[in-house]
């Protein structure tokens, strides 16, 4: 068992490690040669110039202003100076709300820690239970619930504090949910025009024997959204083409590397060994080898493009449909399109940068089969898990265990008391974990050692022009998929140990405070987000904290049951019920702002836009937004593929689908046109 001195040593080591990281960062960040590593966001915005362009030769690489070294921690107040509205304009709402998760941790745990140390810690400390327990313990463990004797009336203090902590956490969560929902609505109302505001993703387009997917989509939306439909783009299965394009990029990088190497030393052609990992084998000219490979991939890419565009089977039963107004897109995305609820499924299109094209090429039927396989696997896993659980459950009663296994009687009379005392005493392990991962780990994040090394390697071997140097920068992103779940672990630890061992709370608070400052600095100066969801992930953050709160309540119930606090344990059953009710209330009150777009807001924005830009060419604005990246040229312009979907609306022409005469407007793909207005009227009759 860790002693107080052990915790102190571990804390000193991790504090020194964090300070060393901060000191190294403070020195490296002010060196001109590292400027693009620690301030890439400003370069990408075009608001920062390279310090290597001016000054003496030595000053281009080393900062000789010794006064700047004395201000090595000035980045901390600088990171806190930018107001939140300016931060949203600078980095987006996703980044600003991500920082609010750390603030949420401080809002929850600082008052909880104050109550815990002023009320519960004295209650726990003024006992001598551990001294007579025969267990190995430290002075830290005397601050935990383990030091309360079994059946003591002092457990009522922990019960009251459990209610207080739950109510405070729920209050802060509700208040934060309300603030973030308001921020999201304001952001959506004030943000600039984006393609996803006008576009809907349509899935499970039903097959039709007479028309292609593109023709079918056009007809359906001309009939059902005649006043608002603008254009559409079908989804191609271009996964193989994407692999070829990615392979060509890698080959092109190697070709650039060897060409740069040859230009530095024209007297010697670079060679490449064809054996394993280039360590042995026949030597060939590296430039000629990668040039030939690059040309072969170019031919394969051209053939694959032609194959995709000429093969109807390459078109998936999905399309991006754009509308003339935000209001029209909101109506389509949030309503059922057909009496059959399994076809013509609509949802808001993601931002173009957030489209995962590989998944879009998976047919709806295959997705359903995959869900079925997962459900069946989950059923059998649960079913076979029930068997050992049933066996254990039959022995759950202590008397039953004593009868079935009498030789375990001495141990049984002692498994509950020991557990009740030892579980809270495991806090020292998590304290060490928080210091290593939460303190030193966060401090290492700001150092950016890996991007620093990679940038200088690229800068030395590959960079030839200023554009190459910009491409060598790797600003990175926050990484919501990995960073946010990691934060939830600290919420779980804080909520679980707030009652049983409050000594852990100061370490959690330091983590949230330090992370807030570090990641605020990184968001302002480094990270460049790949997409913007307008904080659509906040309901998941709320739910995970609720789950952590319920877990802490259930664990406290189990712990008190082992401490023979039978009179207080039943009262804890109310807490999970109240917490679940609170979550359902927040879900109904605030979550719609994250999954639906109010028609009032959409109409308001459309009206303002028509007044300010009456001649807006919306079709031109949306033309290339949802084209698969492999169909775009290097400068982002669309190549000649599926251009017919984006031509101007044609005159009324006949449809190939003679079986559906109720279609009032027909496809631009049709061969013939209506012969007369009378014929058009006749075809529109049911």
Foldseek 3Di string as FASTA:
>chain_A
DDAPVNLVVLLVVLVVLLVVLLLLLLQQCPFLVCVCQQFVLCVVVVNDDRCLPDDDNVSNGHPPPVVSSVPSPVLLVVLVPDDLVNLCVSFNLQLSVVLVLLVLLLQQQVVLLVCCVVPQQVLQQPACQVVPLPDDAYSLLSSFPLRPAFQDPSVVVLLVSLVVSLVSNLVSLLVSLVVLLVLLQVCVLPPDDAQLLFKKKWAFADDDPQDALQQSVVLLCCQVVVPWFFFKFFAFQCPVLVVLVVVLVVLVQQLLLQVVVCVVPVVDFDWFAPDDVRPHHDIDRSNVVSVVVNVVSVVVSVVSVVVRQVDSVRTANMMMTGTPFSLSLQVLQPDQSDPPNVHRHIHRDFFLLPDPSNVVSDHPVVVVVVVVVVVVVVVVVVVVVVVVVVVVVCPVDPVSVCVVPVVCVVVSVCVLSCCLNCPLSCLSVVLSVLSVCLSSVLSNVSSPVVLSVQLVVCVVRRDDDPVSSSVSHDLAAPPCVPVLVVLLVLLLSCLQNSSGRSVSSVSSSVSSVSNSSSSSSSSNRGHRDSGHLSPLCVLVSSVSSLVSSLVSLVVVLVSSVSSNNVVSSVVSVVSNVVSVVSNVVSCVPRNCSSRHDDSVSRVVSRVVCCVVCVPDPVLVVNVQRNDPVSQADPVSHGDPHPCVRSDGDDDAADASPLVQLLSLGGDPPDDGGDPDVVSSVVSNDD
